[in-house]
N, C-alpha and C. Protein backbone atom coordinates (compact mmCIF):
# COMPACT_ATOMS: atom_id res chain seq x y z
N MET A 1 -91.39 -132.62 -128.75
CA MET A 1 -92.63 -132.13 -129.29
C MET A 1 -92.60 -132.80 -130.76
N ASN A 2 -93.84 -133.46 -131.01
CA ASN A 2 -94.03 -133.93 -132.34
C ASN A 2 -94.33 -133.31 -133.29
N ASN A 3 -94.11 -133.67 -134.77
CA ASN A 3 -94.02 -132.60 -135.62
C ASN A 3 -95.61 -132.30 -135.71
N ASN A 4 -96.59 -133.08 -135.67
CA ASN A 4 -98.07 -132.23 -135.74
C ASN A 4 -98.17 -131.12 -134.75
N THR A 5 -97.87 -131.48 -133.35
CA THR A 5 -97.82 -130.31 -132.38
C THR A 5 -97.25 -129.27 -132.99
N SER A 6 -96.03 -129.16 -133.48
CA SER A 6 -95.19 -127.95 -133.98
C SER A 6 -96.00 -127.44 -135.05
N ASP A 7 -96.67 -128.23 -136.10
CA ASP A 7 -97.36 -127.62 -137.19
C ASP A 7 -98.34 -126.64 -136.55
N LYS A 8 -99.28 -127.65 -135.75
CA LYS A 8 -100.38 -126.63 -134.99
C LYS A 8 -100.07 -125.22 -134.35
N ASN A 9 -99.20 -125.61 -133.71
CA ASN A 9 -98.26 -124.27 -132.93
C ASN A 9 -97.91 -123.02 -133.97
N ILE A 10 -97.47 -123.48 -135.23
CA ILE A 10 -96.94 -122.80 -136.38
C ILE A 10 -98.25 -122.17 -136.93
N ILE A 11 -99.16 -123.00 -137.19
CA ILE A 11 -100.49 -122.65 -137.92
C ILE A 11 -101.10 -121.55 -136.78
N GLU A 12 -101.18 -121.72 -135.67
CA GLU A 12 -101.99 -120.80 -134.66
C GLU A 12 -101.21 -119.28 -134.61
N LYS A 13 -99.66 -119.60 -134.74
CA LYS A 13 -99.06 -118.00 -134.76
C LYS A 13 -99.30 -117.28 -136.05
N ILE A 14 -99.37 -118.34 -137.07
CA ILE A 14 -99.38 -117.63 -138.37
C ILE A 14 -100.79 -116.90 -138.38
N VAL A 15 -101.93 -117.41 -138.10
CA VAL A 15 -103.23 -117.08 -137.85
C VAL A 15 -103.23 -115.70 -137.10
N GLU A 16 -102.52 -115.39 -135.92
CA GLU A 16 -102.50 -114.67 -134.82
C GLU A 16 -101.66 -113.30 -136.11
N GLY A 17 -100.86 -113.63 -136.62
CA GLY A 17 -100.36 -112.90 -137.51
C GLY A 17 -100.70 -112.01 -138.57
N ILE A 18 -101.64 -112.91 -139.10
CA ILE A 18 -102.64 -112.53 -140.21
C ILE A 18 -103.66 -111.30 -139.45
N GLN A 19 -104.52 -111.90 -138.39
CA GLN A 19 -105.25 -111.05 -137.87
C GLN A 19 -104.82 -109.70 -137.12
N ASP A 20 -103.66 -109.85 -136.65
CA ASP A 20 -102.91 -108.76 -136.08
C ASP A 20 -102.76 -107.30 -137.13
N VAL A 21 -103.03 -107.67 -138.52
CA VAL A 21 -103.00 -106.68 -139.36
C VAL A 21 -104.07 -106.86 -140.21
N LYS A 22 -105.24 -107.39 -139.65
CA LYS A 22 -106.50 -107.35 -140.35
C LYS A 22 -106.86 -107.98 -141.56
N GLY A 23 -105.79 -109.24 -141.84
CA GLY A 23 -106.15 -110.17 -142.82
C GLY A 23 -107.40 -110.99 -142.90
N LYS A 24 -108.18 -110.84 -143.95
CA LYS A 24 -109.29 -111.66 -143.90
C LYS A 24 -109.15 -112.82 -144.79
N LYS A 25 -110.75 -113.69 -144.40
CA LYS A 25 -111.08 -114.80 -145.02
C LYS A 25 -109.83 -115.93 -144.87
N ILE A 26 -109.60 -116.12 -143.70
CA ILE A 26 -108.42 -117.23 -143.34
C ILE A 26 -109.38 -118.37 -143.58
N VAL A 27 -108.48 -119.34 -144.17
CA VAL A 27 -108.88 -120.92 -144.35
C VAL A 27 -107.54 -121.65 -144.13
N ILE A 28 -107.82 -122.69 -143.32
CA ILE A 28 -106.65 -123.61 -143.31
C ILE A 28 -107.14 -124.87 -144.03
N VAL A 29 -106.29 -125.18 -144.89
CA VAL A 29 -106.50 -126.71 -145.64
C VAL A 29 -105.65 -127.69 -145.16
N ASP A 30 -106.41 -128.65 -144.44
CA ASP A 30 -105.39 -129.77 -143.89
C ASP A 30 -105.36 -130.92 -144.83
N MET A 31 -104.24 -131.07 -145.39
CA MET A 31 -103.97 -132.35 -146.37
C MET A 31 -103.38 -133.53 -145.72
N THR A 32 -103.52 -133.54 -144.33
CA THR A 32 -102.55 -134.68 -143.62
C THR A 32 -103.04 -136.00 -143.75
N GLU A 33 -104.42 -136.17 -144.24
CA GLU A 33 -105.08 -137.31 -144.53
C GLU A 33 -105.02 -137.77 -145.98
N LEU A 34 -104.56 -136.68 -146.92
CA LEU A 34 -104.48 -137.17 -148.21
C LEU A 34 -103.16 -137.88 -148.62
N GLU A 35 -102.81 -138.43 -149.78
CA GLU A 35 -101.77 -139.15 -150.34
C GLU A 35 -101.09 -138.28 -151.00
N ASN A 36 -99.89 -138.29 -151.14
CA ASN A 36 -99.01 -137.74 -152.12
C ASN A 36 -99.13 -136.21 -152.19
N TYR A 37 -99.09 -135.60 -151.33
CA TYR A 37 -99.25 -134.13 -151.26
C TYR A 37 -97.67 -133.57 -150.75
N THR A 38 -96.90 -132.58 -151.17
CA THR A 38 -95.79 -132.31 -150.70
C THR A 38 -95.78 -131.15 -149.55
N CYS A 39 -97.03 -130.78 -148.94
CA CYS A 39 -97.08 -130.15 -147.72
C CYS A 39 -98.39 -130.88 -147.00
N SER A 40 -98.45 -130.25 -145.58
CA SER A 40 -99.59 -130.72 -144.62
C SER A 40 -100.55 -129.93 -144.75
N TYR A 41 -100.41 -128.65 -144.84
CA TYR A 41 -101.34 -127.70 -144.48
C TYR A 41 -100.95 -126.39 -145.55
N PHE A 42 -102.16 -125.66 -145.98
CA PHE A 42 -101.97 -124.63 -146.63
C PHE A 42 -102.95 -123.66 -145.69
N VAL A 43 -102.35 -122.35 -145.50
CA VAL A 43 -103.32 -121.41 -144.62
C VAL A 43 -103.44 -120.08 -145.80
N ILE A 44 -104.33 -119.94 -146.03
CA ILE A 44 -104.76 -118.97 -147.23
C ILE A 44 -105.38 -117.88 -146.60
N CYS A 45 -105.36 -116.53 -146.97
CA CYS A 45 -105.98 -115.44 -146.46
C CYS A 45 -105.66 -114.28 -147.49
N GLN A 46 -106.34 -113.16 -147.25
CA GLN A 46 -106.17 -112.18 -148.17
C GLN A 46 -105.91 -110.69 -147.53
N GLY A 47 -105.47 -109.92 -148.08
CA GLY A 47 -105.53 -108.28 -148.02
C GLY A 47 -106.09 -107.41 -149.13
N ASP A 48 -106.50 -106.47 -149.00
CA ASP A 48 -107.31 -105.44 -149.80
C ASP A 48 -106.17 -104.72 -150.90
N SER A 49 -105.04 -104.75 -150.44
CA SER A 49 -103.96 -104.05 -151.58
C SER A 49 -102.59 -104.88 -151.30
N ASN A 50 -101.63 -104.12 -152.32
CA ASN A 50 -100.25 -104.93 -152.08
C ASN A 50 -99.72 -104.60 -150.99
N VAL A 51 -100.02 -103.12 -150.48
CA VAL A 51 -99.46 -102.58 -149.33
C VAL A 51 -99.87 -103.79 -148.10
N GLN A 52 -101.35 -103.98 -147.96
CA GLN A 52 -101.66 -104.80 -146.87
C GLN A 52 -101.33 -106.05 -146.96
N VAL A 53 -101.33 -106.65 -148.16
CA VAL A 53 -100.78 -108.04 -148.42
C VAL A 53 -99.35 -108.12 -148.09
N ASN A 54 -98.31 -107.25 -148.31
CA ASN A 54 -96.95 -107.18 -147.92
C ASN A 54 -97.00 -107.04 -146.28
N ALA A 55 -97.82 -106.27 -145.83
CA ALA A 55 -97.87 -106.09 -144.38
C ALA A 55 -98.03 -107.38 -143.69
N ILE A 56 -99.04 -108.18 -144.06
CA ILE A 56 -99.76 -109.42 -143.55
C ILE A 56 -98.52 -110.51 -143.63
N ALA A 57 -97.71 -110.40 -144.81
CA ALA A 57 -96.50 -111.37 -145.05
C ALA A 57 -95.66 -111.00 -143.94
N GLU A 58 -95.31 -109.95 -143.77
CA GLU A 58 -94.15 -109.49 -143.02
C GLU A 58 -94.51 -109.66 -141.50
N ASN A 59 -96.15 -109.29 -140.98
CA ASN A 59 -96.34 -109.56 -139.55
C ASN A 59 -96.44 -110.83 -139.53
N ILE A 60 -96.70 -111.78 -140.56
CA ILE A 60 -96.62 -113.32 -140.23
C ILE A 60 -95.12 -113.80 -139.87
N LYS A 61 -94.24 -113.31 -140.67
CA LYS A 61 -92.78 -113.68 -140.76
C LYS A 61 -92.36 -113.08 -139.16
N ASP A 62 -92.57 -111.97 -139.12
CA ASP A 62 -92.34 -111.50 -137.49
C ASP A 62 -92.74 -112.11 -136.42
N HIS A 63 -94.02 -112.45 -136.62
CA HIS A 63 -94.69 -112.99 -135.02
C HIS A 63 -94.37 -114.37 -134.74
N VAL A 64 -94.20 -115.35 -136.26
CA VAL A 64 -93.90 -116.82 -136.04
C VAL A 64 -92.47 -116.64 -135.29
N ARG A 65 -91.57 -115.80 -135.82
CA ARG A 65 -89.90 -115.74 -135.61
C ARG A 65 -90.03 -115.63 -134.12
N THR A 66 -90.74 -114.27 -133.48
CA THR A 66 -90.62 -113.86 -132.23
C THR A 66 -91.32 -115.13 -131.25
N GLU A 67 -92.40 -115.49 -131.62
CA GLU A 67 -93.02 -116.63 -130.99
C GLU A 67 -92.49 -117.59 -130.66
N LEU A 68 -92.11 -118.04 -131.68
CA LEU A 68 -91.38 -119.89 -131.96
C LEU A 68 -90.11 -119.99 -132.47
N HIS A 69 -89.56 -119.20 -132.80
CA HIS A 69 -88.46 -118.94 -133.39
C HIS A 69 -88.11 -119.75 -134.62
N VAL A 70 -89.15 -119.63 -135.37
CA VAL A 70 -89.31 -120.42 -136.74
C VAL A 70 -89.33 -119.21 -137.83
N LYS A 71 -88.40 -119.55 -138.74
CA LYS A 71 -88.45 -118.60 -140.11
C LYS A 71 -88.71 -119.73 -141.14
N PRO A 72 -89.49 -118.81 -141.98
CA PRO A 72 -89.89 -119.40 -143.38
C PRO A 72 -88.56 -119.84 -144.28
N PHE A 73 -88.55 -120.88 -145.01
CA PHE A 73 -87.64 -121.38 -145.83
C PHE A 73 -87.34 -120.51 -146.87
N ALA A 74 -88.63 -120.00 -147.54
CA ALA A 74 -88.69 -118.95 -148.47
C ALA A 74 -89.91 -118.38 -148.82
N VAL A 75 -89.99 -117.19 -149.14
CA VAL A 75 -91.03 -116.10 -149.29
C VAL A 75 -90.90 -115.63 -150.82
N ASP A 76 -92.06 -115.92 -151.60
CA ASP A 76 -91.91 -115.46 -152.98
C ASP A 76 -93.24 -114.61 -153.18
N GLY A 77 -92.85 -113.45 -154.14
CA GLY A 77 -94.09 -112.57 -154.48
C GLY A 77 -94.36 -111.31 -154.04
N GLN A 78 -93.07 -111.07 -152.98
CA GLN A 78 -93.19 -109.59 -152.72
C GLN A 78 -93.01 -108.42 -153.45
N ALA A 79 -92.47 -108.65 -154.57
CA ALA A 79 -92.20 -107.76 -155.55
C ALA A 79 -93.44 -106.96 -155.82
N ASN A 80 -94.54 -107.71 -156.54
CA ASN A 80 -95.93 -107.06 -156.97
C ASN A 80 -96.96 -107.43 -155.98
N ALA A 81 -96.76 -108.20 -155.01
CA ALA A 81 -97.54 -108.45 -153.72
C ALA A 81 -99.25 -108.75 -154.10
N GLU A 82 -98.99 -109.17 -155.22
CA GLU A 82 -100.72 -109.75 -155.53
C GLU A 82 -101.11 -111.23 -155.18
N TRP A 83 -99.87 -111.79 -154.58
CA TRP A 83 -100.06 -113.42 -154.18
C TRP A 83 -98.59 -113.58 -153.48
N ILE A 84 -98.50 -113.76 -152.16
CA ILE A 84 -97.12 -113.93 -151.57
C ILE A 84 -97.37 -115.32 -151.06
N ALA A 85 -96.16 -116.25 -151.32
CA ALA A 85 -96.50 -117.61 -150.79
C ALA A 85 -95.16 -117.49 -149.79
N MET A 86 -95.36 -118.33 -148.60
CA MET A 86 -94.37 -118.42 -147.54
C MET A 86 -94.24 -120.08 -147.27
N ASP A 87 -92.97 -120.42 -147.33
CA ASP A 87 -92.79 -121.53 -147.16
C ASP A 87 -92.40 -122.12 -145.87
N TYR A 88 -92.89 -122.87 -145.01
CA TYR A 88 -92.48 -123.07 -143.70
C TYR A 88 -92.51 -124.79 -143.55
N GLY A 89 -92.09 -125.01 -144.78
CA GLY A 89 -91.98 -126.68 -144.67
C GLY A 89 -93.31 -127.49 -144.90
N SER A 90 -93.86 -128.03 -143.82
CA SER A 90 -94.95 -128.84 -143.95
C SER A 90 -96.04 -127.69 -144.13
N ILE A 91 -95.93 -126.41 -144.09
CA ILE A 91 -97.16 -125.51 -144.20
C ILE A 91 -96.72 -124.38 -144.97
N ILE A 92 -97.60 -124.37 -145.87
CA ILE A 92 -97.23 -123.16 -146.89
C ILE A 92 -98.53 -122.11 -147.02
N VAL A 93 -98.24 -120.73 -146.68
CA VAL A 93 -98.96 -119.84 -146.63
C VAL A 93 -99.00 -119.06 -147.73
N HIS A 94 -100.31 -118.82 -147.88
CA HIS A 94 -100.61 -118.16 -149.15
C HIS A 94 -101.50 -116.46 -149.02
N VAL A 95 -100.75 -115.53 -149.19
CA VAL A 95 -101.58 -114.35 -148.70
C VAL A 95 -101.94 -113.59 -150.32
N PHE A 96 -103.03 -113.44 -150.31
CA PHE A 96 -103.26 -113.02 -151.83
C PHE A 96 -104.21 -111.60 -151.74
N GLN A 97 -104.41 -110.93 -152.89
CA GLN A 97 -105.37 -109.69 -153.17
C GLN A 97 -106.75 -110.48 -153.43
N PRO A 98 -107.70 -109.90 -153.35
CA PRO A 98 -109.23 -110.70 -153.53
C PRO A 98 -109.17 -111.18 -155.40
N GLU A 99 -108.51 -110.50 -156.22
CA GLU A 99 -108.57 -110.90 -157.61
C GLU A 99 -108.04 -112.26 -157.65
N PRO A 100 -106.60 -112.05 -157.44
CA PRO A 100 -106.06 -113.36 -157.68
C PRO A 100 -106.38 -114.47 -157.07
N ARG A 101 -106.76 -114.41 -155.76
CA ARG A 101 -107.60 -115.31 -154.77
C ARG A 101 -108.52 -116.02 -155.57
N ALA A 102 -109.69 -115.43 -156.05
CA ALA A 102 -110.78 -115.59 -156.85
C ALA A 102 -110.46 -116.20 -158.03
N PHE A 103 -109.30 -115.88 -158.51
CA PHE A 103 -108.82 -116.86 -159.97
C PHE A 103 -108.37 -117.91 -159.57
N TYR A 104 -107.45 -118.27 -158.60
CA TYR A 104 -106.80 -119.58 -158.44
C TYR A 104 -107.65 -120.52 -157.34
N GLN A 105 -108.70 -119.93 -156.75
CA GLN A 105 -109.31 -120.85 -155.75
C GLN A 105 -108.66 -122.06 -155.28
N LEU A 106 -107.34 -121.77 -154.60
CA LEU A 106 -106.75 -122.64 -153.89
C LEU A 106 -107.46 -123.74 -153.12
N GLU A 107 -108.40 -123.12 -152.29
CA GLU A 107 -109.19 -124.11 -151.52
C GLU A 107 -109.87 -125.06 -152.12
N THR A 108 -110.48 -124.88 -153.44
CA THR A 108 -111.48 -125.66 -153.88
C THR A 108 -110.43 -126.76 -154.80
N LEU A 109 -109.09 -126.85 -154.59
CA LEU A 109 -108.69 -127.82 -155.54
C LEU A 109 -108.35 -129.35 -154.66
N TRP A 110 -108.75 -129.20 -153.40
CA TRP A 110 -108.36 -130.29 -152.59
C TRP A 110 -109.99 -130.36 -151.83
N GLU A 111 -110.76 -131.17 -152.71
CA GLU A 111 -111.89 -131.25 -152.31
C GLU A 111 -112.17 -132.19 -151.06
N ASP A 112 -111.20 -133.09 -151.12
CA ASP A 112 -111.26 -134.17 -149.89
C ASP A 112 -110.15 -133.75 -148.68
N ALA A 113 -109.79 -132.72 -148.70
CA ALA A 113 -109.04 -132.18 -147.50
C ALA A 113 -109.91 -131.61 -146.53
N LYS A 114 -109.74 -131.26 -145.32
CA LYS A 114 -110.29 -130.73 -144.14
C LYS A 114 -110.17 -129.45 -144.35
N ILE A 115 -111.27 -128.76 -144.41
CA ILE A 115 -111.15 -127.32 -144.59
C ILE A 115 -111.55 -126.38 -143.46
N THR A 116 -110.86 -125.50 -142.67
CA THR A 116 -111.36 -124.68 -141.62
C THR A 116 -111.33 -123.35 -141.81
N GLU A 117 -112.51 -122.66 -141.69
CA GLU A 117 -112.43 -121.14 -141.69
C GLU A 117 -112.25 -120.45 -140.85
N ILE A 118 -111.66 -119.35 -140.71
CA ILE A 118 -111.34 -118.84 -139.31
C ILE A 118 -112.29 -117.33 -139.66
N GLU A 119 -113.05 -117.19 -138.55
CA GLU A 119 -114.06 -116.11 -138.71
C GLU A 119 -113.24 -114.67 -138.70
N ASP A 120 -113.39 -113.46 -139.62
CA ASP A 120 -112.78 -112.40 -139.39
C ASP A 120 -113.12 -111.74 -138.22
N LEU A 121 -112.11 -111.02 -137.79
CA LEU A 121 -111.95 -110.47 -136.54
C LEU A 121 -113.14 -109.35 -136.55
N ASP A 122 -113.20 -108.57 -137.15
CA ASP A 122 -113.87 -107.38 -137.37
C ASP A 122 -115.46 -107.46 -137.10
């Protein structure tokens, strides 16, 4: 399996993990066509509280591990759960509460990247 296929599979399972616990405003930032970036994809989403943000991150971790036997290299931010970052190598997942997400606006930093918005399930 080539690297691109596995990235797509991991992203699909990350999105399922987010949707399982009602994570919202999912955006995939594809930076594969850009030069000089440390990762290929960002997956960005949000939850309404620190409890939900933690639940989303845990569910992503469990879902990807169960479905694809892949674990994140690192997870940071679980202590306050305003912004949890999960490192899957070429894919970085950002789980935000609404205020820090609006403040940092990560999806606007790479205007040349391909951005895919996933519709909320509710």
